[in-house]
Amino acid sequence: MIKRRILFLGSALLAAAFTLPAFAAFDIAELMNDLAQHKGGRAKFVEKKYIALLDKPVIATGEMNYIAPDRLENAR
């Protein structure tokens, strides 16, 4: 589940890096279609997850790589 969230977050960051509007509503297929028009790229991310039982957020960081036309991977 966390990997999916990281993948989604990375996808969103890559989309922003390629100057797609941040407010655009699209699904993963549309995102990958748009990304396929670019050679590739990298995006760093930070995810903070708040859990009621913990007094501090759980923080995940990393870097996502996009390799055209359809590969998105975690580069940890």
C-alpha atoms as a PDB file:
ATOM      1  CA  MET A   1       0.000   0.000   0.000  1.00  0.00           C
ATOM      2  CA  ILE A   2       2.807   2.414   0.847  1.00  0.00           C
ATOM      3  CA  LYS A   3       4.545   1.561  -2.445  1.00  0.00           C
ATOM      4  CA  ARG A   4       1.357   2.460  -4.339  1.00  0.00           C
ATOM      5  CA  ARG A   5       1.106   5.759  -2.513  1.00  0.00           C
ATOM      6  CA  ILE A   6       4.762   6.494  -3.216  1.00  0.00           C
ATOM      7  CA  LEU A   7       4.274   5.584  -6.872  1.00  0.00           C
ATOM      8  CA  PHE A   8       1.238   7.862  -7.115  1.00  0.00           C
ATOM      9  CA  LEU A   9       3.042  10.683  -5.336  1.00  0.00           C
ATOM     10  CA  GLY A  10       6.070  10.253  -7.570  1.00  0.00           C
ATOM     11  CA  SER A  11       3.844  10.312 -10.624  1.00  0.00           C
ATOM     12  CA  ALA A  12       2.264  13.533  -9.486  1.00  0.00           C
ATOM     13  CA  LEU A  13       5.665  15.103  -8.830  1.00  0.00           C
ATOM     14  CA  LEU A  14       6.935  14.073 -12.245  1.00  0.00           C
ATOM     15  CA  ALA A  15       3.841  15.545 -13.836  1.00  0.00           C
ATOM     16  CA  ALA A  16       4.485  18.809 -12.032  1.00  0.00           C
ATOM     17  CA  ALA A  17       8.121  18.734 -13.126  1.00  0.00           C
ATOM     18  CA  PHE A  18       6.974  18.540 -16.743  1.00  0.00           C
ATOM     19  CA  THR A  19       4.814  21.656 -16.257  1.00  0.00           C
ATOM     20  CA  LEU A  20       1.467  19.916 -16.258  1.00  0.00           C
ATOM     21  CA  PRO A  21      -1.093  21.931 -14.313  1.00  0.00           C
ATOM     22  CA  ALA A  22      -1.088  20.875 -10.657  1.00  0.00           C
ATOM     23  CA  PHE A  23      -4.880  21.094 -10.468  1.00  0.00           C
ATOM     24  CA  ALA A  24      -5.538  18.835 -13.480  1.00  0.00           C
ATOM     25  CA  ALA A  25      -7.693  15.798 -12.722  1.00  0.00           C
ATOM     26  CA  PHE A  26      -6.563  12.718 -14.617  1.00  0.00           C
ATOM     27  CA  ASP A  27      -6.016   9.022 -14.024  1.00  0.00           C
ATOM     28  CA  ILE A  28      -2.776   7.041 -14.217  1.00  0.00           C
ATOM     29  CA  ALA A  29      -3.347   6.089 -17.882  1.00  0.00           C
ATOM     30  CA  GLU A  30      -3.636   9.745 -18.869  1.00  0.00           C
ATOM     31  CA  LEU A  31      -0.577  10.593 -16.781  1.00  0.00           C
ATOM     32  CA  MET A  32       1.521   7.903 -18.459  1.00  0.00           C
ATOM     33  CA  ASN A  33       0.228   9.060 -21.862  1.00  0.00           C
ATOM     34  CA  ASP A  34       1.378  12.605 -21.130  1.00  0.00           C
ATOM     35  CA  LEU A  35       4.710  11.438 -19.748  1.00  0.00           C
ATOM     36  CA  ALA A  36       5.332   9.290 -22.845  1.00  0.00           C
ATOM     37  CA  GLN A  37       5.845  12.533 -24.773  1.00  0.00           C
ATOM     38  CA  HIS A  38       9.007  13.261 -22.726  1.00  0.00           C
ATOM     39  CA  LYS A  39      12.379  11.517 -22.752  1.00  0.00           C
ATOM     40  CA  GLY A  40      12.434  10.976 -19.003  1.00  0.00           C
ATOM     41  CA  GLY A  41      13.161  12.632 -15.729  1.00  0.00           C
ATOM     42  CA  ARG A  42      13.660  12.373 -11.987  1.00  0.00           C
ATOM     43  CA  ALA A  43      11.730  13.755  -9.052  1.00  0.00           C
ATOM     44  CA  LYS A  44      12.487  13.673  -5.355  1.00  0.00           C
ATOM     45  CA  PHE A  45       9.583  13.255  -2.958  1.00  0.00           C
ATOM     46  CA  VAL A  46       8.715  13.435   0.726  1.00  0.00           C
ATOM     47  CA  GLU A  47       5.615  11.722   2.065  1.00  0.00           C
ATOM     48  CA  LYS A  48       4.316  12.390   5.569  1.00  0.00           C
ATOM     49  CA  LYS A  49       1.770   9.932   6.911  1.00  0.00           C
ATOM     50  CA  TYR A  50      -0.098  10.853  10.081  1.00  0.00           C
ATOM     51  CA  ILE A  51      -1.235   7.953  12.245  1.00  0.00           C
ATOM     52  CA  ALA A  52      -3.457   8.600  15.268  1.00  0.00           C
ATOM     53  CA  LEU A  53      -1.452   6.262  17.514  1.00  0.00           C
ATOM     54  CA  LEU A  54       1.851   8.064  16.860  1.00  0.00           C
ATOM     55  CA  ASP A  55       2.915  11.469  18.120  1.00  0.00           C
ATOM     56  CA  LYS A  56       5.026  12.177  15.006  1.00  0.00           C
ATOM     57  CA  PRO A  57       4.322  11.544  11.316  1.00  0.00           C
ATOM     58  CA  VAL A  58       5.929   8.619   9.514  1.00  0.00           C
ATOM     59  CA  ILE A  59       8.158  10.157   6.848  1.00  0.00           C
ATOM     60  CA  ALA A  60       9.171   8.424   3.620  1.00  0.00           C
ATOM     61  CA  THR A  61      11.568  10.024   1.150  1.00  0.00           C
ATOM     62  CA  GLY A  62      13.022   8.950  -2.140  1.00  0.00           C
ATOM     63  CA  GLU A  63      13.420   9.614  -5.799  1.00  0.00           C
ATOM     64  CA  MET A  64      11.300   8.480  -8.737  1.00  0.00           C
ATOM     65  CA  ASN A  65      12.713   7.908 -12.223  1.00  0.00           C
ATOM     66  CA  TYR A  66      10.630   8.119 -15.360  1.00  0.00           C
ATOM     67  CA  ILE A  67      11.942   6.329 -18.449  1.00  0.00           C
ATOM     68  CA  ALA A  68       9.907   6.960 -21.591  1.00  0.00           C
ATOM     69  CA  PRO A  69       7.512   5.783 -22.754  1.00  0.00           C
ATOM     70  CA  ASP A  70       6.006   3.852 -19.825  1.00  0.00           C
ATOM     71  CA  ARG A  71       8.403   3.049 -16.994  1.00  0.00           C
ATOM     72  CA  LEU A  72       8.149   4.691 -13.583  1.00  0.00           C
ATOM     73  CA  GLU A  73      10.404   3.348 -10.850  1.00  0.00           C
ATOM     74  CA  ASN A  74      11.516   4.093  -7.326  1.00  0.00           C
ATOM     75  CA  ALA A  75      15.235   4.914  -7.330  1.00  0.00           C
ATOM     76  CA  ARG A  76      15.932   4.437  -3.625  1.00  0.00           C
END
